[in-house]
Amino acid sequence: MTNSPERAGFTPPLTSSARRLGPVGSLIAGEVLLGVIDADPVSQRSVDPGWRPSLPGRQPGRFTLTDLLAPA
């Protein structure tokens, strides 16, 4: 038995291909993830909210999740 979202009665909104989240589902997932991180009193966002990555991004002065995942 799994604790999947479908078993809890919630199915995230998917794109027509049903293989990835659509824009609304992605927003919901992102907001939930940030909520979990912000609720942790020892997370980097809670301890030092002004911290910014010092790694180079595709655009100077801007570092995104895509920049973090690109080397992988």
PDB file of N, CA and C in Angstrom:
ATOM      1  N   MET A   1       0.829  -1.166   0.000  1.00  0.00           N
ATOM      2  CA  MET A   1       0.000   0.000   0.000  1.00  0.00           C
ATOM      3  C   MET A   1       0.889   1.251   0.000  1.00  0.00           C
ATOM      4  N   THR A   2       0.602   2.186  -0.878  1.00  0.00           N
ATOM      5  CA  THR A   2       1.407   3.397  -0.968  1.00  0.00           C
ATOM      6  C   THR A   2       0.618   4.589  -0.467  1.00  0.00           C
ATOM      7  N   ASN A   3       1.327   5.659  -0.185  1.00  0.00           N
ATOM      8  CA  ASN A   3       0.690   6.905   0.236  1.00  0.00           C
ATOM      9  C   ASN A   3       0.668   7.895  -0.921  1.00  0.00           C
ATOM     10  N   SER A   4       0.270   7.443  -2.093  1.00  0.00           N
ATOM     11  CA  SER A   4       0.260   8.299  -3.271  1.00  0.00           C
ATOM     12  C   SER A   4      -0.837   9.345  -3.154  1.00  0.00           C
ATOM     13  N   PRO A   5      -0.667  10.477  -3.852  1.00  0.00           N
ATOM     14  CA  PRO A   5      -1.700  11.520  -3.823  1.00  0.00           C
ATOM     15  C   PRO A   5      -3.052  11.002  -4.298  1.00  0.00           C
ATOM     16  N   GLU A   6      -3.029  10.060  -5.258  1.00  0.00           N
ATOM     17  CA  GLU A   6      -4.279   9.526  -5.776  1.00  0.00           C
ATOM     18  C   GLU A   6      -5.052   8.784  -4.680  1.00  0.00           C
ATOM     19  N   ARG A   7      -4.343   8.072  -3.799  1.00  0.00           N
ATOM     20  CA  ARG A   7      -4.997   7.346  -2.707  1.00  0.00           C
ATOM     21  C   ARG A   7      -5.610   8.316  -1.703  1.00  0.00           C
ATOM     22  N   ALA A   8      -5.029   9.502  -1.576  1.00  0.00           N
ATOM     23  CA  ALA A   8      -5.552  10.495  -0.640  1.00  0.00           C
ATOM     24  C   ALA A   8      -6.708  11.289  -1.254  1.00  0.00           C
ATOM     25  N   GLY A   9      -7.059  10.979  -2.496  1.00  0.00           N
ATOM     26  CA  GLY A   9      -8.165  11.663  -3.149  1.00  0.00           C
ATOM     27  C   GLY A   9      -7.753  12.914  -3.890  1.00  0.00           C
ATOM     28  N   PHE A  10      -6.445  13.121  -4.086  1.00  0.00           N
ATOM     29  CA  PHE A  10      -5.964  14.296  -4.805  1.00  0.00           C
ATOM     30  C   PHE A  10      -5.146  13.848  -5.993  1.00  0.00           C
ATOM     31  N   THR A  11      -5.506  14.310  -7.154  1.00  0.00           N
ATOM     32  CA  THR A  11      -4.722  14.032  -8.347  1.00  0.00           C
ATOM     33  C   THR A  11      -4.235  15.367  -8.883  1.00  0.00           C
ATOM     34  N   PRO A  12      -2.899  15.584  -8.957  1.00  0.00           N
ATOM     35  CA  PRO A  12      -2.383  16.854  -9.462  1.00  0.00           C
ATOM     36  C   PRO A  12      -2.807  17.076 -10.910  1.00  0.00           C
ATOM     37  N   PRO A  13      -3.075  18.320 -11.297  1.00  0.00           N
ATOM     38  CA  PRO A  13      -3.439  18.604 -12.686  1.00  0.00           C
ATOM     39  C   PRO A  13      -2.271  18.278 -13.618  1.00  0.00           C
ATOM     40  N   LEU A  14      -2.523  17.432 -14.618  1.00  0.00           N
ATOM     41  CA  LEU A  14      -1.481  17.010 -15.548  1.00  0.00           C
ATOM     42  C   LEU A  14      -1.709  17.604 -16.922  1.00  0.00           C
ATOM     43  N   THR A  15      -0.653  17.596 -17.738  1.00  0.00           N
ATOM     44  CA  THR A  15      -0.800  18.016 -19.127  1.00  0.00           C
ATOM     45  C   THR A  15      -1.533  16.916 -19.879  1.00  0.00           C
ATOM     46  N   SER A  16      -1.866  17.174 -21.112  1.00  0.00           N
ATOM     47  CA  SER A  16      -2.626  16.196 -21.886  1.00  0.00           C
ATOM     48  C   SER A  16      -1.844  14.905 -22.082  1.00  0.00           C
ATOM     49  N   SER A  17      -0.522  14.950 -22.054  1.00  0.00           N
ATOM     50  CA  SER A  17       0.268  13.736 -22.215  1.00  0.00           C
ATOM     51  C   SER A  17       0.254  12.901 -20.935  1.00  0.00           C
ATOM     52  N   ALA A  18      -0.179  13.492 -19.817  1.00  0.00           N
ATOM     53  CA  ALA A  18      -0.269  12.819 -18.513  1.00  0.00           C
ATOM     54  C   ALA A  18       1.062  12.267 -18.040  1.00  0.00           C
ATOM     55  N   ARG A  19       2.161  12.842 -18.511  1.00  0.00           N
ATOM     56  CA  ARG A  19       3.473  12.391 -18.071  1.00  0.00           C
ATOM     57  C   ARG A  19       4.197  13.457 -17.257  1.00  0.00           C
ATOM     58  N   ARG A  20       3.631  14.642 -17.189  1.00  0.00           N
ATOM     59  CA  ARG A  20       4.248  15.713 -16.411  1.00  0.00           C
ATOM     60  C   ARG A  20       3.183  16.666 -15.919  1.00  0.00           C
ATOM     61  N   LEU A  21       3.551  17.437 -14.911  1.00  0.00           N
ATOM     62  CA  LEU A  21       2.604  18.408 -14.372  1.00  0.00           C
ATOM     63  C   LEU A  21       2.399  19.548 -15.354  1.00  0.00           C
ATOM     64  N   GLY A  22       1.203  20.054 -15.398  1.00  0.00           N
ATOM     65  CA  GLY A  22       0.912  21.227 -16.199  1.00  0.00           C
ATOM     66  C   GLY A  22       1.262  22.476 -15.412  1.00  0.00           C
ATOM     67  N   PRO A  23       0.925  23.660 -15.929  1.00  0.00           N
ATOM     68  CA  PRO A  23       1.278  24.905 -15.251  1.00  0.00           C
ATOM     69  C   PRO A  23       0.668  25.029 -13.849  1.00  0.00           C
ATOM     70  N   VAL A  24      -0.567  24.611 -13.681  1.00  0.00           N
ATOM     71  CA  VAL A  24      -1.201  24.721 -12.370  1.00  0.00           C
ATOM     72  C   VAL A  24      -0.603  23.697 -11.409  1.00  0.00           C
ATOM     73  N   GLY A  25      -0.428  22.469 -11.865  1.00  0.00           N
ATOM     74  CA  GLY A  25       0.170  21.441 -11.032  1.00  0.00           C
ATOM     75  C   GLY A  25       1.589  21.785 -10.619  1.00  0.00           C
ATOM     76  N   SER A  26       2.350  22.372 -11.541  1.00  0.00           N
ATOM     77  CA  SER A  26       3.720  22.786 -11.229  1.00  0.00           C
ATOM     78  C   SER A  26       3.726  23.882 -10.172  1.00  0.00           C
ATOM     79  N   LEU A  27       2.806  24.822 -10.287  1.00  0.00           N
ATOM     80  CA  LEU A  27       2.708  25.899  -9.307  1.00  0.00           C
ATOM     81  C   LEU A  27       2.347  25.349  -7.927  1.00  0.00           C
ATOM     82  N   ILE A  28       1.383  24.438  -7.893  1.00  0.00           N
ATOM     83  CA  ILE A  28       0.988  23.822  -6.621  1.00  0.00           C
ATOM     84  C   ILE A  28       2.172  23.088  -6.003  1.00  0.00           C
ATOM     85  N   ALA A  29       2.866  22.277  -6.787  1.00  0.00           N
ATOM     86  CA  ALA A  29       4.011  21.512  -6.276  1.00  0.00           C
ATOM     87  C   ALA A  29       5.106  22.445  -5.765  1.00  0.00           C
ATOM     88  N   GLY A  30       5.406  23.499  -6.515  1.00  0.00           N
ATOM     89  CA  GLY A  30       6.430  24.458  -6.097  1.00  0.00           C
ATOM     90  C   GLY A  30       6.069  25.181  -4.816  1.00  0.00           C
ATOM     91  N   GLU A  31       4.820  25.607  -4.709  1.00  0.00           N
ATOM     92  CA  GLU A  31       4.365  26.310  -3.506  1.00  0.00           C
ATOM     93  C   GLU A  31       4.393  25.396  -2.279  1.00  0.00           C
ATOM     94  N   VAL A  32       4.017  24.139  -2.468  1.00  0.00           N
ATOM     95  CA  VAL A  32       4.062  23.188  -1.352  1.00  0.00           C
ATOM     96  C   VAL A  32       5.497  22.968  -0.917  1.00  0.00           C
ATOM     97  N   LEU A  33       6.410  22.791  -1.866  1.00  0.00           N
ATOM     98  CA  LEU A  33       7.823  22.594  -1.545  1.00  0.00           C
ATOM     99  C   LEU A  33       8.383  23.797  -0.786  1.00  0.00           C
ATOM    100  N   LEU A  34       8.107  25.000  -1.254  1.00  0.00           N
ATOM    101  CA  LEU A  34       8.576  26.197  -0.547  1.00  0.00           C
ATOM    102  C   LEU A  34       7.953  26.308   0.838  1.00  0.00           C
ATOM    103  N   GLY A  35       6.696  25.926   0.970  1.00  0.00           N
ATOM    104  CA  GLY A  35       6.047  25.953   2.274  1.00  0.00           C
ATOM    105  C   GLY A  35       6.718  25.011   3.261  1.00  0.00           C
ATOM    106  N   VAL A  36       7.104  23.837   2.784  1.00  0.00           N
ATOM    107  CA  VAL A  36       7.795  22.868   3.647  1.00  0.00           C
ATOM    108  C   VAL A  36       9.163  23.412   4.054  1.00  0.00           C
ATOM    109  N   ILE A  37       9.885  23.975   3.106  1.00  0.00           N
ATOM    110  CA  ILE A  37      11.217  24.528   3.401  1.00  0.00           C
ATOM    111  C   ILE A  37      11.093  25.709   4.364  1.00  0.00           C
ATOM    112  N   ASP A  38      10.138  26.595   4.124  1.00  0.00           N
ATOM    113  CA  ASP A  38       9.966  27.769   4.986  1.00  0.00           C
ATOM    114  C   ASP A  38       9.501  27.392   6.393  1.00  0.00           C
ATOM    115  N   ALA A  39       8.821  26.266   6.536  1.00  0.00           N
ATOM    116  CA  ALA A  39       8.356  25.834   7.855  1.00  0.00           C
ATOM    117  C   ALA A  39       9.484  25.225   8.699  1.00  0.00           C
ATOM    118  N   ASP A  40      10.598  24.910   8.059  1.00  0.00           N
ATOM    119  CA  ASP A  40      11.738  24.327   8.773  1.00  0.00           C
ATOM    120  C   ASP A  40      12.579  25.459   9.364  1.00  0.00           C
ATOM    121  N   PRO A  41      12.653  25.574  10.693  1.00  0.00           N
ATOM    122  CA  PRO A  41      13.379  26.692  11.303  1.00  0.00           C
ATOM    123  C   PRO A  41      14.889  26.657  11.078  1.00  0.00           C
ATOM    124  N   VAL A  42      15.424  25.545  10.622  1.00  0.00           N
ATOM    125  CA  VAL A  42      16.870  25.484  10.378  1.00  0.00           C
ATOM    126  C   VAL A  42      17.201  25.420   8.885  1.00  0.00           C
ATOM    127  N   SER A  43      16.216  25.650   8.017  1.00  0.00           N
ATOM    128  CA  SER A  43      16.496  25.663   6.580  1.00  0.00           C
ATOM    129  C   SER A  43      17.286  26.917   6.213  1.00  0.00           C
ATOM    130  N   GLN A  44      17.993  26.860   5.120  1.00  0.00           N
ATOM    131  CA  GLN A  44      18.793  28.003   4.667  1.00  0.00           C
ATOM    132  C   GLN A  44      17.921  29.238   4.478  1.00  0.00           C
ATOM    133  N   ARG A  45      16.715  29.064   3.956  1.00  0.00           N
ATOM    134  CA  ARG A  45      15.811  30.204   3.735  1.00  0.00           C
ATOM    135  C   ARG A  45      15.386  30.840   5.046  1.00  0.00           C
ATOM    136  N   SER A  46      15.254  30.046   6.122  1.00  0.00           N
ATOM    137  CA  SER A  46      14.861  30.594   7.426  1.00  0.00           C
ATOM    138  C   SER A  46      16.037  31.227   8.158  1.00  0.00           C
ATOM    139  N   VAL A  47      17.185  30.576   8.088  1.00  0.00           N
ATOM    140  CA  VAL A  47      18.364  31.033   8.824  1.00  0.00           C
ATOM    141  C   VAL A  47      18.944  32.304   8.213  1.00  0.00           C
ATOM    142  N   ASP A  48      19.017  32.357   6.877  1.00  0.00           N
ATOM    143  CA  ASP A  48      19.621  33.503   6.196  1.00  0.00           C
ATOM    144  C   ASP A  48      18.798  33.859   4.955  1.00  0.00           C
ATOM    145  N   PRO A  49      17.657  34.546   5.132  1.00  0.00           N
ATOM    146  CA  PRO A  49      16.775  34.822   4.000  1.00  0.00           C
ATOM    147  C   PRO A  49      17.398  35.685   2.902  1.00  0.00           C
ATOM    148  N   GLY A  50      18.439  36.411   3.214  1.00  0.00           N
ATOM    149  CA  GLY A  50      19.077  37.253   2.200  1.00  0.00           C
ATOM    150  C   GLY A  50      20.131  36.543   1.374  1.00  0.00           C
ATOM    151  N   TRP A  51      20.392  35.262   1.666  1.00  0.00           N
ATOM    152  CA  TRP A  51      21.424  34.516   0.954  1.00  0.00           C
ATOM    153  C   TRP A  51      21.065  34.351  -0.512  1.00  0.00           C
ATOM    154  N   ARG A  52      22.055  34.498  -1.373  1.00  0.00           N
ATOM    155  CA  ARG A  52      21.885  34.277  -2.806  1.00  0.00           C
ATOM    156  C   ARG A  52      23.026  33.392  -3.282  1.00  0.00           C
ATOM    157  N   PRO A  53      22.776  32.493  -4.226  1.00  0.00           N
ATOM    158  CA  PRO A  53      23.845  31.622  -4.731  1.00  0.00           C
ATOM    159  C   PRO A  53      24.964  32.436  -5.367  1.00  0.00           C
ATOM    160  N   SER A  54      26.182  31.969  -5.205  1.00  0.00           N
ATOM    161  CA  SER A  54      27.310  32.667  -5.811  1.00  0.00           C
ATOM    162  C   SER A  54      27.812  31.924  -7.047  1.00  0.00           C
ATOM    163  N   LEU A  55      27.111  30.874  -7.432  1.00  0.00           N
ATOM    164  CA  LEU A  55      27.497  30.127  -8.624  1.00  0.00           C
ATOM    165  C   LEU A  55      27.102  30.905  -9.877  1.00  0.00           C
ATOM    166  N   PRO A  56      27.838  30.704 -10.970  1.00  0.00           N
ATOM    167  CA  PRO A  56      27.477  31.412 -12.206  1.00  0.00           C
ATOM    168  C   PRO A  56      26.202  30.829 -12.813  1.00  0.00           C
ATOM    169  N   GLY A  57      25.371  31.681 -13.351  1.00  0.00           N
ATOM    170  CA  GLY A  57      24.144  31.263 -14.024  1.00  0.00           C
ATOM    171  C   GLY A  57      24.239  31.556 -15.511  1.00  0.00           C
ATOM    172  N   ARG A  58      23.232  31.129 -16.245  1.00  0.00           N
ATOM    173  CA  ARG A  58      23.212  31.429 -17.685  1.00  0.00           C
ATOM    174  C   ARG A  58      23.115  32.917 -17.931  1.00  0.00           C
ATOM    175  N   GLN A  59      22.392  33.618 -17.042  1.00  0.00           N
ATOM    176  CA  GLN A  59      22.280  35.067 -17.127  1.00  0.00           C
ATOM    177  C   GLN A  59      23.059  35.662 -15.959  1.00  0.00           C
ATOM    178  N   PRO A  60      23.933  36.627 -16.213  1.00  0.00           N
ATOM    179  CA  PRO A  60      24.712  37.222 -15.125  1.00  0.00           C
ATOM    180  C   PRO A  60      23.806  37.776 -14.019  1.00  0.00           C
ATOM    181  N   GLY A  61      24.127  37.431 -12.766  1.00  0.00           N
ATOM    182  CA  GLY A  61      23.366  37.924 -11.627  1.00  0.00           C
ATOM    183  C   GLY A  61      22.071  37.186 -11.362  1.00  0.00           C
ATOM    184  N   ARG A  62      21.798  36.155 -12.133  1.00  0.00           N
ATOM    185  CA  ARG A  62      20.549  35.400 -11.956  1.00  0.00           C
ATOM    186  C   ARG A  62      20.871  33.911 -11.968  1.00  0.00           C
ATOM    187  N   PHE A  63      20.517  33.208 -10.895  1.00  0.00           N
ATOM    188  CA  PHE A  63      20.761  31.774 -10.769  1.00  0.00           C
ATOM    189  C   PHE A  63      19.430  31.087 -10.537  1.00  0.00           C
ATOM    190  N   THR A  64      19.088  30.130 -11.400  1.00  0.00           N
ATOM    191  CA  THR A  64      17.789  29.470 -11.322  1.00  0.00           C
ATOM    192  C   THR A  64      17.951  27.973 -11.071  1.00  0.00           C
ATOM    193  N   LEU A  65      16.845  27.304 -10.847  1.00  0.00           N
ATOM    194  CA  LEU A  65      16.869  25.866 -10.656  1.00  0.00           C
ATOM    195  C   LEU A  65      17.437  25.176 -11.896  1.00  0.00           C
ATOM    196  N   THR A  66      17.154  25.700 -13.068  1.00  0.00           N
ATOM    197  CA  THR A  66      17.700  25.141 -14.298  1.00  0.00           C
ATOM    198  C   THR A  66      19.221  25.179 -14.283  1.00  0.00           C
ATOM    199  N   ASP A  67      19.797  26.273 -13.790  1.00  0.00           N
ATOM    200  CA  ASP A  67      21.260  26.370 -13.695  1.00  0.00           C
ATOM    201  C   ASP A  67      21.820  25.324 -12.738  1.00  0.00           C
ATOM    202  N   LEU A  68      21.088  25.016 -11.685  1.00  0.00           N
ATOM    203  CA  LEU A  68      21.532  24.025 -10.711  1.00  0.00           C
ATOM    204  C   LEU A  68      21.497  22.626 -11.315  1.00  0.00           C
ATOM    205  N   LEU A  69      20.469  22.341 -12.095  1.00  0.00           N
ATOM    206  CA  LEU A  69      20.295  21.003 -12.657  1.00  0.00           C
ATOM    207  C   LEU A  69      21.037  20.775 -13.969  1.00  0.00           C
ATOM    208  N   ALA A  70      21.454  21.828 -14.651  1.00  0.00           N
ATOM    209  CA  ALA A  70      22.098  21.697 -15.963  1.00  0.00           C
ATOM    210  C   ALA A  70      23.322  20.794 -15.955  1.00  0.00           C
ATOM    211  N   PRO A  71      24.225  20.909 -14.955  1.00  0.00           N
ATOM    212  CA  PRO A  71      25.402  20.021 -14.966  1.00  0.00           C
ATOM    213  C   PRO A  71      25.060  18.551 -14.772  1.00  0.00           C
ATOM    214  N   ALA A  72      23.929  18.252 -14.167  1.00  0.00           N
ATOM    215  CA  ALA A  72      23.537  16.865 -13.916  1.00  0.00           C
ATOM    216  C   ALA A  72      23.138  16.238 -15.220  1.00  0.00           C
TER     217      ALA A  72
END
